[in-house]
Amino acid sequence: MSSKKIFILLGHPDKNGLCGMAADTYEKAAREAGHIVERLNIEEMQFDPVLHQGYRQHQELEPALVRFQALIQWADHFVVVYPVWWVGMPAKMKGLFDRAWLPGSAFRYIKTKNGTRTIFWHRLYSGKTARIIMTSGTAPWLVRFLPGNVNAQLKWGILWFAGFSVHTTWFGPAERPAEYKRDRWLRKLRNFGRKGK
């Protein structure tokens, strides 16, 4: 098995819970298998998560966002670990993608000869893979049944849109899982980490 360049983003603002344990487990297994791993914890990233003028005006990127963009560009495989809060991702994590997932870095719209934008785009991260690891306080089957696909924004609207081939792993109920269940989840993540998947 050839080694991969893997970038792990921990999207939970508190790295001491299950999401932090999941990221640690994946990272340790990947490193032991010979993969090259870089990691960012969102709680340690200093940036303004608000896109104040939308996309109408350029907003200077802080060093943490420049680093994030560079790691996305560098990596073969992107691993995102986060909790589902109110059927979405934590606010700072959403702000990270609002600020850093920009035309020219993650995607580029195709323009006509007269310079107007078309509905078509270049996916600048084509060929890269990603794994989303989510936790939720509610059982995944119940969340899917009630509000629907809470993963659509990240999987399709962000990662797939930019060219990633994406797989999702979802653990829950995750607030106080039985030890045997938590251990089973972590075994699965160790296997993914070793394989760089």
N, C-alpha and C. Protein backbone atom coordinates (compact mmCIF):
# COMPACT_ATOMS: atom_id res chain seq x y z
N MET A 1 0.84 -1.19 0.00
CA MET A 1 0.00 0.00 0.00
C MET A 1 0.88 1.25 0.00
N SER A 2 0.65 2.16 -0.94
CA SER A 2 1.45 3.37 -1.00
C SER A 2 0.94 4.37 0.03
N SER A 3 1.84 5.20 0.53
CA SER A 3 1.45 6.17 1.55
C SER A 3 0.71 7.33 0.90
N LYS A 4 -0.18 7.92 1.66
CA LYS A 4 -0.96 9.07 1.20
C LYS A 4 -0.64 10.29 2.05
N LYS A 5 -0.91 11.45 1.47
CA LYS A 5 -0.85 12.70 2.21
C LYS A 5 -2.27 12.97 2.71
N ILE A 6 -2.43 12.95 4.03
CA ILE A 6 -3.76 13.05 4.64
C ILE A 6 -3.85 14.31 5.49
N PHE A 7 -4.91 15.06 5.26
CA PHE A 7 -5.20 16.26 6.06
C PHE A 7 -6.46 16.00 6.88
N ILE A 8 -6.32 16.13 8.21
CA ILE A 8 -7.45 15.92 9.13
C ILE A 8 -7.88 17.27 9.69
N LEU A 9 -9.17 17.55 9.60
CA LEU A 9 -9.75 18.74 10.23
C LEU A 9 -10.70 18.28 11.33
N LEU A 10 -10.41 18.68 12.56
CA LEU A 10 -11.34 18.44 13.66
C LEU A 10 -12.24 19.66 13.77
N GLY A 11 -13.52 19.48 13.42
CA GLY A 11 -14.45 20.59 13.37
C GLY A 11 -15.19 20.86 14.65
N HIS A 12 -14.97 20.05 15.68
CA HIS A 12 -15.60 20.29 16.98
C HIS A 12 -14.77 21.32 17.74
N PRO A 13 -15.40 22.36 18.30
CA PRO A 13 -14.62 23.37 19.02
C PRO A 13 -14.02 22.89 20.34
N ASP A 14 -14.36 21.67 20.78
CA ASP A 14 -13.77 21.10 21.99
C ASP A 14 -13.16 19.75 21.61
N LYS A 15 -11.83 19.66 21.66
CA LYS A 15 -11.16 18.46 21.19
C LYS A 15 -11.12 17.34 22.23
N ASN A 16 -11.78 17.53 23.37
CA ASN A 16 -11.71 16.55 24.44
C ASN A 16 -12.84 15.52 24.43
N GLY A 17 -13.76 15.59 23.50
CA GLY A 17 -14.87 14.65 23.46
C GLY A 17 -14.67 13.53 22.46
N LEU A 18 -15.78 12.94 22.05
CA LEU A 18 -15.73 11.80 21.13
C LEU A 18 -15.16 12.18 19.77
N CYS A 19 -15.49 13.38 19.27
CA CYS A 19 -14.93 13.79 17.98
C CYS A 19 -13.40 13.89 18.06
N GLY A 20 -12.90 14.45 19.15
CA GLY A 20 -11.46 14.52 19.33
C GLY A 20 -10.83 13.15 19.40
N MET A 21 -11.50 12.23 20.10
CA MET A 21 -11.01 10.86 20.20
C MET A 21 -11.02 10.19 18.82
N ALA A 22 -12.05 10.47 18.04
CA ALA A 22 -12.13 9.90 16.69
C ALA A 22 -10.99 10.41 15.81
N ALA A 23 -10.73 11.73 15.87
CA ALA A 23 -9.63 12.30 15.07
C ALA A 23 -8.29 11.75 15.53
N ASP A 24 -8.08 11.64 16.85
CA ASP A 24 -6.83 11.09 17.38
C ASP A 24 -6.62 9.65 16.92
N THR A 25 -7.68 8.86 16.97
CA THR A 25 -7.60 7.45 16.60
C THR A 25 -7.24 7.29 15.13
N TYR A 26 -7.93 8.04 14.28
CA TYR A 26 -7.64 7.98 12.84
C TYR A 26 -6.20 8.43 12.57
N GLU A 27 -5.81 9.55 13.18
CA GLU A 27 -4.47 10.10 12.95
C GLU A 27 -3.38 9.12 13.38
N LYS A 28 -3.51 8.54 14.56
CA LYS A 28 -2.49 7.61 15.07
C LYS A 28 -2.34 6.40 14.15
N ALA A 29 -3.47 5.83 13.73
CA ALA A 29 -3.42 4.65 12.85
C ALA A 29 -2.81 5.00 11.49
N ALA A 30 -3.15 6.18 10.97
CA ALA A 30 -2.61 6.59 9.67
C ALA A 30 -1.10 6.79 9.74
N ARG A 31 -0.63 7.43 10.81
CA ARG A 31 0.81 7.66 10.96
C ARG A 31 1.56 6.33 11.11
N GLU A 32 0.99 5.43 11.92
CA GLU A 32 1.63 4.13 12.13
C GLU A 32 1.71 3.33 10.84
N ALA A 33 0.76 3.55 9.93
CA ALA A 33 0.76 2.83 8.65
C ALA A 33 1.67 3.48 7.61
N GLY A 34 2.30 4.61 7.97
CA GLY A 34 3.26 5.25 7.07
C GLY A 34 2.70 6.39 6.24
N HIS A 35 1.46 6.79 6.49
CA HIS A 35 0.91 7.94 5.77
C HIS A 35 1.49 9.24 6.35
N ILE A 36 1.52 10.27 5.54
CA ILE A 36 1.98 11.59 5.98
C ILE A 36 0.74 12.37 6.39
N VAL A 37 0.70 12.83 7.63
CA VAL A 37 -0.53 13.41 8.17
C VAL A 37 -0.29 14.83 8.66
N GLU A 38 -1.19 15.72 8.29
CA GLU A 38 -1.26 17.07 8.85
C GLU A 38 -2.65 17.23 9.47
N ARG A 39 -2.74 18.04 10.52
CA ARG A 39 -4.03 18.19 11.20
C ARG A 39 -4.23 19.61 11.69
N LEU A 40 -5.47 20.08 11.59
CA LEU A 40 -5.88 21.34 12.18
C LEU A 40 -7.08 21.09 13.08
N ASN A 41 -7.05 21.70 14.26
CA ASN A 41 -8.19 21.68 15.17
C ASN A 41 -8.85 23.06 15.10
N ILE A 42 -10.13 23.09 14.78
CA ILE A 42 -10.77 24.37 14.52
C ILE A 42 -10.73 25.30 15.73
N GLU A 43 -10.71 24.73 16.94
CA GLU A 43 -10.66 25.56 18.14
C GLU A 43 -9.37 26.38 18.22
N GLU A 44 -8.31 25.92 17.55
CA GLU A 44 -7.02 26.60 17.60
C GLU A 44 -6.82 27.56 16.43
N MET A 45 -7.73 27.56 15.47
CA MET A 45 -7.60 28.40 14.29
C MET A 45 -8.19 29.78 14.57
N GLN A 46 -7.38 30.81 14.34
CA GLN A 46 -7.81 32.18 14.60
C GLN A 46 -8.23 32.84 13.29
N PHE A 47 -9.53 33.06 13.11
CA PHE A 47 -10.04 33.75 11.92
C PHE A 47 -11.45 34.23 12.21
N ASP A 48 -11.88 35.22 11.45
CA ASP A 48 -13.24 35.72 11.53
C ASP A 48 -14.12 34.80 10.68
N PRO A 49 -15.08 34.09 11.27
CA PRO A 49 -15.89 33.16 10.49
C PRO A 49 -17.01 33.83 9.68
N VAL A 50 -17.15 35.14 9.82
CA VAL A 50 -18.25 35.84 9.14
C VAL A 50 -17.78 36.43 7.81
N LEU A 51 -18.49 36.12 6.76
CA LEU A 51 -18.22 36.68 5.44
C LEU A 51 -19.04 37.97 5.35
N HIS A 52 -18.47 39.07 5.77
CA HIS A 52 -19.21 40.30 6.05
C HIS A 52 -19.90 40.90 4.84
N GLN A 53 -19.28 40.86 3.68
CA GLN A 53 -19.88 41.44 2.47
C GLN A 53 -20.34 40.37 1.48
N GLY A 54 -20.51 39.13 1.98
CA GLY A 54 -20.81 38.05 1.04
C GLY A 54 -19.62 37.89 0.10
N TYR A 55 -19.89 37.57 -1.15
CA TYR A 55 -18.80 37.42 -2.12
C TYR A 55 -18.68 38.65 -3.01
N ARG A 56 -19.33 39.75 -2.62
CA ARG A 56 -19.27 40.97 -3.42
C ARG A 56 -17.94 41.70 -3.27
N GLN A 57 -17.27 41.48 -2.15
CA GLN A 57 -16.05 42.21 -1.87
C GLN A 57 -15.01 41.26 -1.29
N HIS A 58 -13.77 41.42 -1.70
CA HIS A 58 -12.69 40.57 -1.21
C HIS A 58 -12.47 40.81 0.29
N GLN A 59 -12.37 39.73 1.05
CA GLN A 59 -12.06 39.81 2.48
C GLN A 59 -10.74 39.10 2.70
N GLU A 60 -9.76 39.84 3.16
CA GLU A 60 -8.40 39.30 3.32
C GLU A 60 -8.42 38.04 4.19
N LEU A 61 -7.71 37.02 3.74
CA LEU A 61 -7.65 35.76 4.48
C LEU A 61 -6.61 35.83 5.60
N GLU A 62 -7.01 35.40 6.78
CA GLU A 62 -6.07 35.29 7.89
C GLU A 62 -5.11 34.13 7.63
N PRO A 63 -3.94 34.12 8.31
CA PRO A 63 -2.97 33.03 8.10
C PRO A 63 -3.55 31.63 8.30
N ALA A 64 -4.48 31.46 9.25
CA ALA A 64 -5.08 30.14 9.47
C ALA A 64 -5.85 29.67 8.25
N LEU A 65 -6.50 30.58 7.54
CA LEU A 65 -7.26 30.21 6.35
C LEU A 65 -6.34 29.93 5.17
N VAL A 66 -5.25 30.68 5.08
CA VAL A 66 -4.25 30.41 4.03
C VAL A 66 -3.65 29.03 4.24
N ARG A 67 -3.36 28.70 5.50
CA ARG A 67 -2.82 27.36 5.84
C ARG A 67 -3.82 26.27 5.49
N PHE A 68 -5.09 26.49 5.82
CA PHE A 68 -6.14 25.53 5.49
C PHE A 68 -6.20 25.29 3.99
N GLN A 69 -6.20 26.34 3.19
CA GLN A 69 -6.23 26.20 1.74
C GLN A 69 -5.01 25.43 1.23
N ALA A 70 -3.84 25.73 1.80
CA ALA A 70 -2.61 25.06 1.38
C ALA A 70 -2.66 23.57 1.69
N LEU A 71 -3.21 23.20 2.84
CA LEU A 71 -3.30 21.79 3.21
C LEU A 71 -4.31 21.04 2.33
N ILE A 72 -5.41 21.69 1.98
CA ILE A 72 -6.36 21.08 1.05
C ILE A 72 -5.68 20.81 -0.28
N GLN A 73 -4.92 21.79 -0.76
CA GLN A 73 -4.21 21.65 -2.04
C GLN A 73 -3.19 20.53 -1.96
N TRP A 74 -2.50 20.41 -0.83
CA TRP A 74 -1.42 19.43 -0.64
C TRP A 74 -1.94 18.00 -0.52
N ALA A 75 -3.06 17.81 0.13
CA ALA A 75 -3.51 16.47 0.54
C ALA A 75 -4.06 15.65 -0.63
N ASP A 76 -3.85 14.33 -0.51
CA ASP A 76 -4.55 13.38 -1.39
C ASP A 76 -5.92 13.06 -0.81
N HIS A 77 -5.99 13.04 0.53
CA HIS A 77 -7.20 12.60 1.23
C HIS A 77 -7.50 13.57 2.36
N PHE A 78 -8.74 14.01 2.44
CA PHE A 78 -9.19 15.00 3.42
C PHE A 78 -10.18 14.33 4.37
N VAL A 79 -9.90 14.39 5.67
CA VAL A 79 -10.78 13.79 6.68
C VAL A 79 -11.36 14.91 7.54
N VAL A 80 -12.68 14.96 7.62
CA VAL A 80 -13.37 15.99 8.40
C VAL A 80 -14.15 15.30 9.51
N VAL A 81 -13.89 15.68 10.75
CA VAL A 81 -14.57 15.09 11.91
C VAL A 81 -15.37 16.20 12.59
N TYR A 82 -16.70 15.98 12.74
CA TYR A 82 -17.49 17.02 13.37
C TYR A 82 -18.78 16.47 13.96
N PRO A 83 -19.38 17.21 14.91
CA PRO A 83 -20.67 16.80 15.47
C PRO A 83 -21.82 17.44 14.69
N VAL A 84 -22.91 16.72 14.58
CA VAL A 84 -24.12 17.30 13.99
C VAL A 84 -24.83 18.07 15.10
N TRP A 85 -24.92 19.38 14.91
CA TRP A 85 -25.63 20.26 15.85
C TRP A 85 -26.76 20.93 15.11
N TRP A 86 -27.98 20.76 15.58
CA TRP A 86 -29.15 21.37 14.94
C TRP A 86 -29.14 21.08 13.44
N VAL A 87 -28.98 19.80 13.13
CA VAL A 87 -28.95 19.24 11.76
C VAL A 87 -27.96 19.95 10.84
N GLY A 88 -26.85 20.38 11.39
CA GLY A 88 -25.81 21.01 10.58
C GLY A 88 -24.47 20.93 11.26
N MET A 89 -23.52 21.64 10.71
CA MET A 89 -22.17 21.65 11.29
C MET A 89 -22.04 22.82 12.27
N PRO A 90 -21.07 22.76 13.20
CA PRO A 90 -20.85 23.88 14.12
C PRO A 90 -20.58 25.18 13.36
N ALA A 91 -20.97 26.31 13.97
CA ALA A 91 -20.92 27.61 13.29
C ALA A 91 -19.53 27.97 12.79
N LYS A 92 -18.50 27.75 13.61
CA LYS A 92 -17.15 28.14 13.19
C LYS A 92 -16.68 27.30 12.01
N MET A 93 -17.08 26.04 11.99
CA MET A 93 -16.71 25.19 10.87
C MET A 93 -17.40 25.65 9.59
N LYS A 94 -18.68 26.02 9.68
CA LYS A 94 -19.38 26.57 8.51
C LYS A 94 -18.69 27.85 8.05
N GLY A 95 -18.29 28.70 9.02
CA GLY A 95 -17.59 29.92 8.68
C GLY A 95 -16.26 29.67 8.00
N LEU A 96 -15.59 28.59 8.37
CA LEU A 96 -14.33 28.22 7.72
C LEU A 96 -14.54 27.99 6.23
N PHE A 97 -15.56 27.24 5.88
CA PHE A 97 -15.82 26.98 4.46
C PHE A 97 -16.35 28.23 3.76
N ASP A 98 -17.17 29.03 4.45
CA ASP A 98 -17.63 30.29 3.85
C ASP A 98 -16.45 31.16 3.45
N ARG A 99 -15.46 31.23 4.32
CA ARG A 99 -14.33 32.12 4.10
C ARG A 99 -13.28 31.56 3.14
N ALA A 100 -13.03 30.24 3.21
CA ALA A 100 -11.86 29.68 2.51
C ALA A 100 -12.20 28.92 1.23
N TRP A 101 -13.46 28.53 1.03
CA TRP A 101 -13.84 27.73 -0.14
C TRP A 101 -14.25 28.70 -1.25
N LEU A 102 -13.29 29.25 -1.94
CA LEU A 102 -13.52 30.39 -2.81
C LEU A 102 -13.31 30.07 -4.28
N PRO A 103 -13.99 30.83 -5.15
CA PRO A 103 -13.70 30.70 -6.59
C PRO A 103 -12.21 30.96 -6.82
N GLY A 104 -11.60 30.09 -7.59
CA GLY A 104 -10.17 30.20 -7.85
C GLY A 104 -9.32 29.34 -6.96
N SER A 105 -9.85 28.95 -5.78
CA SER A 105 -9.09 28.05 -4.92
C SER A 105 -9.71 26.65 -4.93
N ALA A 106 -11.03 26.55 -4.78
CA ALA A 106 -11.69 25.24 -4.75
C ALA A 106 -12.42 24.93 -6.06
N PHE A 107 -12.84 25.94 -6.76
CA PHE A 107 -13.59 25.77 -8.01
C PHE A 107 -13.41 27.03 -8.85
N ARG A 108 -13.77 26.93 -10.12
CA ARG A 108 -13.71 28.11 -11.00
C ARG A 108 -14.87 28.02 -11.98
N TYR A 109 -15.69 29.05 -12.02
CA TYR A 109 -16.79 29.07 -12.97
C TYR A 109 -16.26 29.25 -14.38
N ILE A 110 -16.89 28.60 -15.33
CA ILE A 110 -16.54 28.73 -16.73
C ILE A 110 -17.27 29.95 -17.30
N LYS A 111 -16.54 30.79 -18.00
CA LYS A 111 -17.12 32.00 -18.57
C LYS A 111 -17.25 31.89 -20.09
N THR A 112 -18.20 32.63 -20.60
CA THR A 112 -18.38 32.68 -22.05
C THR A 112 -17.32 33.60 -22.65
N LYS A 113 -17.30 33.68 -23.98
CA LYS A 113 -16.29 34.52 -24.64
C LYS A 113 -16.46 35.99 -24.29
N ASN A 114 -17.67 36.41 -23.97
CA ASN A 114 -17.86 37.82 -23.61
C ASN A 114 -17.67 38.07 -22.11
N GLY A 115 -17.26 37.03 -21.37
CA GLY A 115 -16.90 37.21 -19.96
C GLY A 115 -18.01 36.97 -18.96
N THR A 116 -19.21 36.63 -19.41
CA THR A 116 -20.27 36.34 -18.45
C THR A 116 -20.13 34.93 -17.91
N ARG A 117 -20.54 34.75 -16.66
CA ARG A 117 -20.40 33.47 -15.99
C ARG A 117 -21.50 32.51 -16.45
N THR A 118 -21.12 31.25 -16.69
CA THR A 118 -22.09 30.22 -17.05
C THR A 118 -22.47 29.44 -15.79
N ILE A 119 -23.38 28.48 -15.95
CA ILE A 119 -23.75 27.63 -14.81
C ILE A 119 -22.76 26.50 -14.60
N PHE A 120 -21.79 26.36 -15.48
CA PHE A 120 -20.82 25.27 -15.41
C PHE A 120 -19.55 25.72 -14.68
N TRP A 121 -18.82 24.75 -14.11
CA TRP A 121 -17.64 25.10 -13.33
C TRP A 121 -16.58 24.01 -13.44
N HIS A 122 -15.34 24.41 -13.17
CA HIS A 122 -14.22 23.48 -13.05
C HIS A 122 -14.11 23.09 -11.59
N ARG A 123 -14.00 21.79 -11.33
CA ARG A 123 -13.84 21.27 -9.97
C ARG A 123 -12.34 21.10 -9.72
N LEU A 124 -11.75 22.04 -9.00
CA LEU A 124 -10.30 22.14 -8.91
C LEU A 124 -9.65 21.07 -8.04
N TYR A 125 -10.45 20.31 -7.28
CA TYR A 125 -9.89 19.24 -6.45
C TYR A 125 -10.27 17.86 -6.98
N SER A 126 -10.56 17.77 -8.26
CA SER A 126 -10.88 16.47 -8.86
C SER A 126 -9.73 15.50 -8.66
N GLY A 127 -10.06 14.26 -8.33
CA GLY A 127 -9.06 13.23 -8.07
C GLY A 127 -8.74 13.06 -6.60
N LYS A 128 -9.16 13.99 -5.77
CA LYS A 128 -8.93 13.86 -4.33
C LYS A 128 -10.10 13.12 -3.68
N THR A 129 -9.83 12.51 -2.53
CA THR A 129 -10.87 11.80 -1.79
C THR A 129 -11.07 12.45 -0.43
N ALA A 130 -12.24 12.18 0.16
CA ALA A 130 -12.53 12.72 1.49
C ALA A 130 -13.35 11.71 2.27
N ARG A 131 -13.19 11.76 3.57
CA ARG A 131 -14.06 11.01 4.48
C ARG A 131 -14.61 11.97 5.51
N ILE A 132 -15.94 12.00 5.61
CA ILE A 132 -16.62 12.77 6.65
C ILE A 132 -16.93 11.81 7.79
N ILE A 133 -16.54 12.18 9.00
CA ILE A 133 -16.85 11.40 10.20
C ILE A 133 -17.73 12.28 11.08
N MET A 134 -18.99 11.89 11.24
CA MET A 134 -19.95 12.70 12.00
C MET A 134 -20.39 11.95 13.24
N THR A 135 -20.72 12.71 14.27
CA THR A 135 -21.38 12.16 15.46
C THR A 135 -22.67 12.93 15.67
N SER A 136 -23.64 12.27 16.26
CA SER A 136 -24.89 12.96 16.60
C SER A 136 -25.46 12.38 17.88
N GLY A 137 -26.16 13.22 18.63
CA GLY A 137 -26.78 12.77 19.87
C GLY A 137 -27.98 11.87 19.61
N THR A 138 -28.53 11.97 18.43
CA THR A 138 -29.68 11.16 18.02
C THR A 138 -29.20 10.05 17.09
N ALA A 139 -29.90 8.93 17.07
CA ALA A 139 -29.55 7.83 16.17
C ALA A 139 -29.59 8.31 14.72
N PRO A 140 -28.57 7.98 13.91
CA PRO A 140 -28.54 8.42 12.52
C PRO A 140 -29.81 8.07 11.73
N TRP A 141 -30.38 6.88 11.96
CA TRP A 141 -31.57 6.50 11.19
C TRP A 141 -32.74 7.44 11.48
N LEU A 142 -32.83 7.92 12.73
CA LEU A 142 -33.93 8.81 13.08
C LEU A 142 -33.71 10.20 12.48
N VAL A 143 -32.46 10.66 12.49
CA VAL A 143 -32.15 11.96 11.88
C VAL A 143 -32.46 11.92 10.39
N ARG A 144 -32.07 10.81 9.72
CA ARG A 144 -32.35 10.68 8.29
C ARG A 144 -33.86 10.69 8.02
N PHE A 145 -34.61 10.07 8.91
CA PHE A 145 -36.05 9.96 8.73
C PHE A 145 -36.76 11.30 8.94
N LEU A 146 -36.31 12.10 9.92
CA LEU A 146 -37.01 13.34 10.26
C LEU A 146 -36.51 14.52 9.41
N PRO A 147 -35.35 15.13 9.70
CA PRO A 147 -34.97 16.29 8.88
C PRO A 147 -34.36 15.93 7.53
N GLY A 148 -33.95 14.67 7.35
CA GLY A 148 -33.39 14.28 6.05
C GLY A 148 -31.87 14.23 6.07
N ASN A 149 -31.27 14.51 4.92
CA ASN A 149 -29.83 14.36 4.74
C ASN A 149 -29.08 15.57 5.30
N VAL A 150 -28.70 15.48 6.58
CA VAL A 150 -28.01 16.60 7.22
C VAL A 150 -26.58 16.75 6.72
N ASN A 151 -26.11 15.78 5.98
CA ASN A 151 -24.74 15.79 5.48
C ASN A 151 -24.65 16.38 4.07
N ALA A 152 -25.78 16.74 3.48
CA ALA A 152 -25.79 17.17 2.08
C ALA A 152 -24.94 18.42 1.85
N GLN A 153 -24.99 19.37 2.78
CA GLN A 153 -24.26 20.62 2.59
C GLN A 153 -22.76 20.38 2.44
N LEU A 154 -22.19 19.61 3.38
CA LEU A 154 -20.75 19.36 3.32
C LEU A 154 -20.39 18.39 2.21
N LYS A 155 -21.13 17.29 2.12
CA LYS A 155 -20.77 16.26 1.14
C LYS A 155 -20.93 16.72 -0.30
N TRP A 156 -22.10 17.25 -0.61
CA TRP A 156 -22.41 17.60 -2.00
C TRP A 156 -22.14 19.07 -2.30
N GLY A 157 -22.62 19.97 -1.44
CA GLY A 157 -22.53 21.39 -1.73
C GLY A 157 -21.13 21.97 -1.60
N ILE A 158 -20.28 21.30 -0.83
CA ILE A 158 -18.92 21.82 -0.61
C ILE A 158 -17.87 20.90 -1.23
N LEU A 159 -17.77 19.66 -0.73
CA LEU A 159 -16.68 18.78 -1.16
C LEU A 159 -16.88 18.25 -2.59
N TRP A 160 -18.03 17.66 -2.87
CA TRP A 160 -18.25 17.14 -4.22
C TRP A 160 -18.19 18.26 -5.25
N PHE A 161 -18.75 19.41 -4.91
CA PHE A 161 -18.76 20.56 -5.81
C PHE A 161 -17.35 20.91 -6.27
N ALA A 162 -16.37 20.73 -5.36
CA ALA A 162 -14.98 21.07 -5.68
C ALA A 162 -14.20 19.89 -6.27
N GLY A 163 -14.84 18.72 -6.39
CA GLY A 163 -14.18 17.60 -7.06
C GLY A 163 -13.86 16.39 -6.22
N PHE A 164 -14.10 16.46 -4.91
CA PHE A 164 -13.78 15.33 -4.04
C PHE A 164 -14.74 14.17 -4.26
N SER A 165 -14.20 12.96 -4.16
CA SER A 165 -15.01 11.74 -4.03
C SER A 165 -15.16 11.50 -2.54
N VAL A 166 -16.40 11.46 -2.04
CA VAL A 166 -16.64 11.55 -0.60
C VAL A 166 -17.34 10.30 -0.05
N HIS A 167 -16.84 9.83 1.11
CA HIS A 167 -17.51 8.78 1.88
C HIS A 167 -17.82 9.33 3.28
N THR A 168 -18.91 8.85 3.84
CA THR A 168 -19.34 9.33 5.15
C THR A 168 -19.46 8.19 6.15
N THR A 169 -19.00 8.44 7.37
CA THR A 169 -19.19 7.54 8.50
C THR A 169 -19.90 8.32 9.58
N TRP A 170 -20.99 7.76 10.10
CA TRP A 170 -21.83 8.50 11.04
C TRP A 170 -22.07 7.64 12.28
N PHE A 171 -21.69 8.18 13.45
CA PHE A 171 -21.86 7.46 14.71
C PHE A 171 -22.91 8.15 15.60
N GLY A 172 -23.78 7.36 16.18
CA GLY A 172 -24.77 7.90 17.09
C GLY A 172 -25.72 6.81 17.55
N PRO A 173 -26.45 7.06 18.64
CA PRO A 173 -26.35 8.20 19.54
C PRO A 173 -24.98 8.24 20.22
N ALA A 174 -24.40 9.42 20.28
CA ALA A 174 -23.00 9.53 20.66
C ALA A 174 -22.74 10.28 21.97
N GLU A 175 -23.78 10.67 22.69
CA GLU A 175 -23.53 11.45 23.91
C GLU A 175 -22.94 10.59 25.03
N ARG A 176 -23.52 9.43 25.27
CA ARG A 176 -22.98 8.52 26.29
C ARG A 176 -23.03 7.09 25.75
N PRO A 177 -22.23 6.80 24.73
CA PRO A 177 -22.31 5.46 24.15
C PRO A 177 -21.76 4.41 25.10
N ALA A 178 -22.30 3.21 25.01
CA ALA A 178 -21.74 2.09 25.77
C ALA A 178 -20.30 1.87 25.33
N GLU A 179 -19.49 1.41 26.26
CA GLU A 179 -18.06 1.25 25.96
C GLU A 179 -17.83 0.32 24.77
N TYR A 180 -18.59 -0.77 24.69
CA TYR A 180 -18.40 -1.72 23.58
C TYR A 180 -18.72 -1.06 22.24
N LYS A 181 -19.72 -0.17 22.24
CA LYS A 181 -20.11 0.51 21.01
C LYS A 181 -19.04 1.52 20.61
N ARG A 182 -18.57 2.30 21.58
CA ARG A 182 -17.51 3.28 21.29
C ARG A 182 -16.26 2.57 20.76
N ASP A 183 -15.90 1.43 21.39
CA ASP A 183 -14.72 0.68 20.95
C ASP A 183 -14.90 0.16 19.53
N ARG A 184 -16.10 -0.25 19.19
CA ARG A 184 -16.38 -0.72 17.82
C ARG A 184 -16.23 0.42 16.82
N TRP A 185 -16.70 1.60 17.18
CA TRP A 185 -16.54 2.76 16.30
C TRP A 185 -15.07 3.09 16.10
N LEU A 186 -14.30 3.07 17.18
CA LEU A 186 -12.89 3.42 17.08
C LEU A 186 -12.10 2.37 16.30
N ARG A 187 -12.49 1.10 16.41
CA ARG A 187 -11.85 0.06 15.59
C ARG A 187 -12.06 0.35 14.11
N LYS A 188 -13.26 0.76 13.76
CA LYS A 188 -13.56 1.10 12.37
C LYS A 188 -12.67 2.26 11.90
N LEU A 189 -12.50 3.26 12.76
CA LEU A 189 -11.67 4.41 12.38
C LEU A 189 -10.19 4.04 12.28
N ARG A 190 -9.74 3.13 13.14
CA ARG A 190 -8.35 2.67 13.03
C ARG A 190 -8.13 1.99 11.68
N ASN A 191 -9.10 1.21 11.25
CA ASN A 191 -9.00 0.53 9.96
C ASN A 191 -8.97 1.54 8.81
N PHE A 192 -9.82 2.55 8.89
CA PHE A 192 -9.80 3.60 7.86
C PHE A 192 -8.46 4.33 7.86
N GLY A 193 -7.95 4.65 9.05
CA GLY A 193 -6.68 5.35 9.15
C GLY A 193 -5.53 4.55 8.56
N ARG A 194 -5.48 3.27 8.87
CA ARG A 194 -4.41 2.42 8.32
C ARG A 194 -4.45 2.40 6.80
N LYS A 195 -5.65 2.32 6.25
CA LYS A 195 -5.81 2.24 4.79
C LYS A 195 -5.77 3.61 4.11
N GLY A 196 -5.81 4.68 4.90
CA GLY A 196 -5.86 6.01 4.31
C GLY A 196 -7.15 6.26 3.57
N LYS A 197 -8.26 5.77 4.18
CA LYS A 197 -9.57 5.92 3.54
C LYS A 197 -10.50 6.76 4.38
